[in-house]
Amino acid sequence: MAATASPSIETTTGQDDTAPDWFRWALDQAGEHHFVEVDGCAVHYLLWRNPGKPGLLLVHGNSGSAYWWSFLAPFLARDYQVAAVCLSGMGDSGWRQQYSLEAYADEFLAVAADAALGPQPVIVGHSFGALLTLYAAHLHAEKLGGIVLVDFAVRPVEKFAAWINARTRPHPSKIYPDRETALARFRLEPPQPCANQFLFDHIARHSLTQADGGWRWKFDPFLFSEFDRVRDYAAIYPAIACPVGVIRGMLSERFTDDELEFMRALTDDRVPVIEIPEAHHHIMLDQPIALVTAIRGILQGWK
């Protein structure tokens, strides 16, 4: 289906003078901006080149963008050719008239091909991006080198359906008169503390775009209005025919101890699980370096 025009891309880094050296270094290794058309929609991604290395695709969560990974990707790019995608309807990608799990899986494969990530890239997805990653592996496991699910809990289908129905209801975009007013309204969902203010500010800056009369959030407010994403993931998860790894924030309200035990039982503990202390749902904001280390650990274990 036809897509709307892609939003303009924010090019300023807006680095905080109080940010640590590792963050400054990472933003200096800025990813290249690319677009690939997928079923009539312009899909944006950032690329960190390392020719000849295995491919790694990073997928953000609901209402996010590739910039959620932009300060971590350079560390992973030492060993991988890395791309971070903006899902259609979010970030700097175009919007669709209707969204589907299958369309997002097609986006992953299209970005992987356009970014030269090789024949079997690994996909790392956070939150909603992990749900999409899991379903993409369900459809195309033979084309993937593995998947890593970051703070996404597989639930029994009836519990998952109830959980989904209570969230992500459509709502019109609000137009803010200026950027500063909009930035002051930026919130994490689910709510959580964030000790690393420089990361919070980085994400917030890249979540806005100019619109008629002011500024608005980049995501399509009606993305979920007709998007059926309820599946029996408890049946899909243990049957995935490529390597799988799981990372969990130990303080996450979206991934409880009971849910972890449920997932372990589904796979008889054959899936590696790394739990990150002092991390809520948005692990990359709480424990960014630990998250990089966890991803590397899972991928090295597969080798």
Protein backbone atom coordinates (compact mmCIF):
# COMPACT_ATOMS: atom_id res chain seq x y z
CA MET A 1 0.00 0.00 0.00
CA ALA A 2 1.11 3.57 -0.55
CA ALA A 3 3.10 5.19 2.23
CA THR A 4 3.16 8.76 3.38
CA ALA A 5 6.22 10.87 2.75
CA SER A 6 9.08 10.02 5.07
CA PRO A 7 9.73 12.46 7.91
CA SER A 8 12.81 14.65 7.76
CA ILE A 9 15.81 13.11 9.49
CA GLU A 10 17.27 14.73 12.58
CA THR A 11 21.01 15.15 11.99
CA THR A 12 22.16 17.01 15.11
CA THR A 13 23.62 14.94 17.93
CA GLY A 14 22.81 17.39 20.71
CA GLN A 15 25.44 15.85 22.96
CA ASP A 16 25.21 16.58 26.67
CA ASP A 17 28.39 18.08 28.10
CA THR A 18 27.97 15.83 31.14
CA ALA A 19 27.69 12.60 29.10
CA PRO A 20 30.45 10.01 29.57
CA ASP A 21 33.25 9.52 27.07
CA TRP A 22 31.90 6.20 25.80
CA PHE A 23 28.64 7.85 24.76
CA ARG A 24 30.45 10.70 23.01
CA TRP A 25 32.63 8.19 21.19
CA ALA A 26 29.59 6.17 20.10
CA LEU A 27 27.75 9.17 18.66
CA ASP A 28 30.91 10.14 16.78
CA GLN A 29 30.61 6.76 15.01
CA ALA A 30 27.29 7.77 13.49
CA GLY A 31 25.50 5.22 11.32
CA GLU A 32 24.86 5.92 7.65
CA HIS A 33 21.26 6.82 6.74
CA HIS A 34 19.60 4.51 4.23
CA PHE A 35 16.10 3.83 2.94
CA VAL A 36 14.72 0.72 1.27
CA GLU A 37 11.21 0.46 -0.19
CA VAL A 38 9.15 -2.44 1.16
CA ASP A 39 5.67 -2.90 -0.30
CA GLY A 40 5.40 0.78 -1.16
CA CYS A 41 6.72 2.06 2.17
CA ALA A 42 10.08 3.78 2.66
CA VAL A 43 11.84 1.99 5.53
CA HIS A 44 14.71 3.87 7.14
CA TYR A 45 17.72 2.24 8.76
CA LEU A 46 21.13 3.18 10.12
CA LEU A 47 24.18 1.22 8.98
CA TRP A 48 27.57 0.68 10.62
CA ARG A 49 29.81 -0.96 8.04
CA ASN A 50 32.26 -3.76 8.76
CA PRO A 51 32.51 -5.62 5.43
CA GLY A 52 33.03 -9.34 5.60
CA LYS A 53 31.74 -9.64 9.16
CA PRO A 54 28.49 -11.43 10.13
CA GLY A 55 25.31 -9.38 9.93
CA LEU A 56 23.37 -8.04 12.90
CA LEU A 57 19.97 -6.30 12.69
CA LEU A 58 18.75 -4.29 15.70
CA VAL A 59 15.01 -3.70 16.20
CA HIS A 60 13.52 -1.12 18.58
CA GLY A 61 10.34 -1.30 20.64
CA ASN A 62 6.91 0.31 20.32
CA SER A 63 6.95 3.99 19.24
CA GLY A 64 10.75 3.91 19.14
CA SER A 65 13.30 4.24 16.37
CA ALA A 66 16.75 3.14 15.26
CA TYR A 67 18.19 5.80 17.57
CA TRP A 68 17.39 3.62 20.58
CA TRP A 69 20.32 1.51 19.36
CA SER A 70 22.52 4.26 17.89
CA PHE A 71 24.72 4.61 20.99
CA LEU A 72 25.22 0.83 21.32
CA ALA A 73 25.60 -0.25 17.68
CA PRO A 74 29.17 1.11 17.30
CA PHE A 75 30.38 -1.29 20.00
CA LEU A 76 28.73 -4.23 18.24
CA ALA A 77 30.08 -3.04 14.88
CA ARG A 78 33.59 -4.02 15.94
CA ASP A 79 32.63 -7.62 15.19
CA TYR A 80 29.54 -7.31 12.98
CA GLN A 81 28.08 -5.44 10.04
CA VAL A 82 25.27 -3.72 11.96
CA ALA A 83 21.99 -2.15 10.87
CA ALA A 84 19.32 -0.61 13.12
CA VAL A 85 15.88 -0.31 11.53
CA CYS A 86 13.07 2.17 12.03
CA LEU A 87 9.92 0.07 11.83
CA SER A 88 7.30 1.38 9.40
CA GLY A 89 4.95 3.72 11.23
CA MET A 90 7.75 4.78 13.57
CA GLY A 91 10.98 6.74 13.57
CA ASP A 92 12.06 8.09 10.19
CA SER A 93 10.24 5.40 8.17
CA GLY A 94 7.05 5.97 6.22
CA TRP A 95 3.57 5.04 7.41
CA ARG A 96 1.30 2.31 6.06
CA GLN A 97 -2.46 2.18 5.70
CA GLN A 98 -2.38 -1.12 7.57
CA TYR A 99 0.34 -3.00 9.46
CA SER A 100 0.91 -6.73 9.95
CA LEU A 101 3.36 -9.18 11.46
CA GLU A 102 4.11 -10.51 7.99
CA ALA A 103 4.87 -7.02 6.63
CA TYR A 104 7.34 -6.37 9.43
CA ALA A 105 9.06 -9.69 8.74
CA ASP A 106 9.39 -8.59 5.10
CA GLU A 107 10.93 -5.32 6.28
CA PHE A 108 13.57 -7.19 8.28
CA LEU A 109 14.59 -9.30 5.29
CA ALA A 110 14.60 -6.29 2.95
CA VAL A 111 16.77 -4.21 5.27
CA ALA A 112 19.13 -7.15 5.83
CA ALA A 113 19.55 -7.57 2.08
CA ASP A 114 19.93 -3.85 1.36
CA ALA A 115 22.46 -3.47 4.18
CA ALA A 116 24.49 -6.48 3.00
CA LEU A 117 24.11 -8.30 6.32
CA GLY A 118 24.85 -11.64 4.68
CA PRO A 119 22.83 -14.80 4.08
CA GLN A 120 21.88 -15.47 7.73
CA PRO A 121 21.93 -12.32 9.88
CA VAL A 122 21.09 -12.34 13.56
CA ILE A 123 18.16 -10.17 14.69
CA VAL A 124 18.11 -8.55 18.14
CA GLY A 125 14.71 -7.15 19.10
CA HIS A 126 13.63 -5.21 22.19
CA SER A 127 10.09 -5.36 23.61
CA PHE A 128 7.59 -5.01 20.73
CA GLY A 129 10.55 -5.40 18.39
CA ALA A 130 11.26 -8.75 20.06
CA LEU A 131 7.69 -9.89 19.38
CA LEU A 132 8.20 -9.02 15.70
CA THR A 133 11.59 -10.72 15.74
CA LEU A 134 10.11 -13.90 17.17
CA TYR A 135 7.41 -13.99 14.52
CA ALA A 136 9.91 -13.26 11.74
CA ALA A 137 11.92 -16.28 12.91
CA HIS A 138 8.71 -18.33 12.91
CA LEU A 139 8.26 -17.46 9.23
CA HIS A 140 11.87 -17.37 8.05
CA ALA A 141 14.12 -19.29 10.47
CA GLU A 142 16.16 -20.77 7.61
CA LYS A 143 17.19 -17.25 6.56
CA LEU A 144 18.42 -16.22 10.02
CA GLY A 145 21.53 -16.99 12.03
CA GLY A 146 19.56 -16.58 15.25
CA ILE A 147 17.44 -14.18 17.27
CA VAL A 148 17.90 -12.44 20.63
CA LEU A 149 14.76 -11.38 22.50
CA VAL A 150 15.40 -8.43 24.82
CA ASP A 151 12.90 -8.07 27.67
CA PHE A 152 9.99 -9.75 25.96
CA ALA A 153 7.97 -12.31 27.92
CA VAL A 154 6.24 -15.15 26.11
CA ARG A 155 2.85 -15.70 27.76
CA PRO A 156 0.01 -18.21 27.30
CA VAL A 157 -2.14 -17.00 24.42
CA GLU A 158 -5.13 -16.05 26.59
CA LYS A 159 -2.96 -13.93 28.89
CA PHE A 160 -1.18 -12.37 25.94
CA ALA A 161 -4.46 -11.43 24.26
CA ALA A 162 -5.73 -9.77 27.44
CA TRP A 163 -2.41 -7.95 27.86
CA ILE A 164 -2.46 -6.66 24.28
CA ASN A 165 -6.08 -5.51 24.45
CA ALA A 166 -5.30 -3.35 27.47
CA ARG A 167 -2.53 -1.46 25.65
CA THR A 168 -1.59 0.56 22.57
CA ARG A 169 -5.02 1.94 21.79
CA PRO A 170 -5.04 4.51 18.94
CA HIS A 171 -5.04 8.19 19.81
CA PRO A 172 -4.59 11.30 17.63
CA SER A 173 -1.22 13.00 17.49
CA LYS A 174 -0.87 16.10 19.62
CA ILE A 175 0.87 19.09 18.07
CA TYR A 176 3.15 20.98 20.46
CA PRO A 177 3.92 24.64 19.77
CA ASP A 178 7.68 24.21 20.05
CA ARG A 179 10.28 21.51 20.50
CA GLU A 180 11.06 22.33 24.12
CA THR A 181 7.41 21.93 25.16
CA ALA A 182 7.24 18.56 23.43
CA LEU A 183 10.50 17.35 24.97
CA ALA A 184 9.18 18.19 28.42
CA ARG A 185 6.28 15.77 27.78
CA PHE A 186 8.45 12.82 26.74
CA ARG A 187 7.76 9.73 28.86
CA LEU A 188 8.86 6.09 28.91
CA GLU A 189 6.24 3.35 28.61
CA PRO A 190 6.08 1.52 30.90
CA PRO A 191 7.12 4.29 33.32
CA GLN A 192 10.44 3.73 35.05
CA PRO A 193 13.27 5.75 36.57
CA CYS A 194 16.21 6.58 34.33
CA ALA A 195 19.50 7.49 35.98
CA ASN A 196 21.22 8.15 32.64
CA GLN A 197 19.61 11.45 31.73
CA PHE A 198 21.90 11.89 28.70
CA LEU A 199 20.41 8.73 27.15
CA PHE A 200 16.85 9.79 27.98
CA ASP A 201 17.48 13.15 26.30
CA HIS A 202 19.06 11.51 23.24
CA ILE A 203 16.03 9.29 22.72
CA ALA A 204 13.60 12.16 23.27
CA ARG A 205 15.29 14.41 20.72
CA HIS A 206 15.05 11.73 18.04
CA SER A 207 11.40 10.99 18.81
CA LEU A 208 10.11 14.31 17.45
CA THR A 209 9.55 15.76 14.00
CA GLN A 210 8.22 19.09 12.73
CA ALA A 211 4.58 19.25 11.67
CA ASP A 212 2.12 21.94 10.59
CA GLY A 213 1.82 24.26 13.56
CA GLY A 214 4.64 22.82 15.64
CA TRP A 215 6.13 19.49 16.64
CA ARG A 216 4.71 15.96 17.03
CA TRP A 217 5.93 12.49 17.93
CA LYS A 218 7.16 10.50 14.94
CA PHE A 219 5.01 7.37 15.39
CA ASP A 220 1.75 6.71 13.54
CA PRO A 221 -0.96 7.13 16.23
CA PHE A 222 -3.27 4.69 14.43
CA LEU A 223 -0.69 1.96 13.85
CA PHE A 224 -2.46 -0.52 16.13
CA SER A 225 -6.05 0.31 15.15
CA GLU A 226 -6.35 -2.68 12.78
CA PHE A 227 -3.17 -4.58 13.56
CA ASP A 228 -3.86 -8.15 14.68
CA ARG A 229 -0.73 -9.29 16.52
CA VAL A 230 -2.24 -11.91 18.82
CA ARG A 231 -0.74 -15.33 18.11
CA ASP A 232 0.03 -18.39 20.21
CA TYR A 233 3.62 -17.35 20.90
CA ALA A 234 3.87 -20.02 23.59
CA ALA A 235 3.59 -22.58 20.79
CA ILE A 236 5.77 -20.62 18.34
CA TYR A 237 8.65 -19.90 20.74
CA PRO A 238 9.88 -23.47 21.49
CA ALA A 239 9.54 -24.48 17.83
CA ILE A 240 11.82 -21.77 16.38
CA ALA A 241 14.31 -23.54 14.10
CA CYS A 242 17.27 -21.20 14.61
CA PRO A 243 19.33 -20.29 17.69
CA VAL A 244 17.45 -18.21 20.27
CA GLY A 245 18.73 -16.15 23.19
CA VAL A 246 16.88 -14.17 25.86
CA ILE A 247 17.94 -11.09 27.84
CA ARG A 248 15.89 -9.81 30.75
CA GLY A 249 16.05 -6.75 33.00
CA MET A 250 15.77 -8.05 36.55
CA LEU A 251 13.65 -5.04 37.60
CA SER A 252 11.37 -5.22 34.55
CA GLU A 253 7.63 -5.09 35.19
CA ARG A 254 7.10 -6.48 31.68
CA PHE A 255 9.07 -9.67 32.33
CA THR A 256 8.44 -11.21 35.74
CA ASP A 257 10.14 -14.15 37.48
CA ASP A 258 7.06 -16.29 36.86
CA GLU A 259 7.10 -15.46 33.15
CA LEU A 260 10.77 -16.36 32.93
CA GLU A 261 10.08 -19.73 34.53
CA PHE A 262 7.22 -20.29 32.07
CA MET A 263 9.59 -19.62 29.15
CA ARG A 264 12.30 -21.87 30.60
CA ALA A 265 9.80 -24.71 30.87
CA LEU A 266 8.79 -24.30 27.22
CA THR A 267 12.35 -24.92 26.03
CA ASP A 268 13.66 -27.23 28.77
CA ASP A 269 16.32 -24.62 29.57
CA ARG A 270 18.03 -25.06 26.20
CA VAL A 271 17.72 -21.33 25.40
CA PRO A 272 20.42 -19.18 27.07
CA VAL A 273 19.00 -16.48 29.34
CA ILE A 274 21.04 -13.53 30.62
CA GLU A 275 19.52 -11.45 33.42
CA ILE A 276 20.86 -7.92 33.88
CA PRO A 277 20.74 -6.53 37.45
CA GLU A 278 19.54 -2.98 38.12
CA ALA A 279 17.77 -2.89 34.76
CA HIS A 280 14.10 -2.13 34.14
CA HIS A 281 12.29 -2.78 30.86
CA HIS A 282 14.33 -0.24 28.89
CA ILE A 283 17.63 -2.01 29.51
CA MET A 284 19.61 0.11 27.04
CA LEU A 285 18.84 3.20 29.15
CA ASP A 286 19.58 1.59 32.53
CA GLN A 287 22.55 -0.67 31.78
CA PRO A 288 23.73 0.06 28.21
CA ILE A 289 27.21 -1.44 28.46
CA ALA A 290 25.87 -4.53 30.23
CA LEU A 291 23.37 -4.98 27.40
CA VAL A 292 26.14 -4.88 24.80
CA THR A 293 28.09 -7.43 26.83
CA ALA A 294 25.04 -9.69 27.13
CA ILE A 295 24.37 -9.61 23.38
CA ARG A 296 28.02 -10.35 22.65
CA GLY A 297 27.98 -13.21 25.15
CA ILE A 298 25.00 -14.90 23.53
CA LEU A 299 26.40 -14.53 20.02
CA GLN A 300 29.83 -15.80 21.06
CA GLY A 301 28.19 -18.78 22.75
CA TRP A 302 26.56 -19.72 19.44
CA LYS A 303 29.92 -19.65 17.68
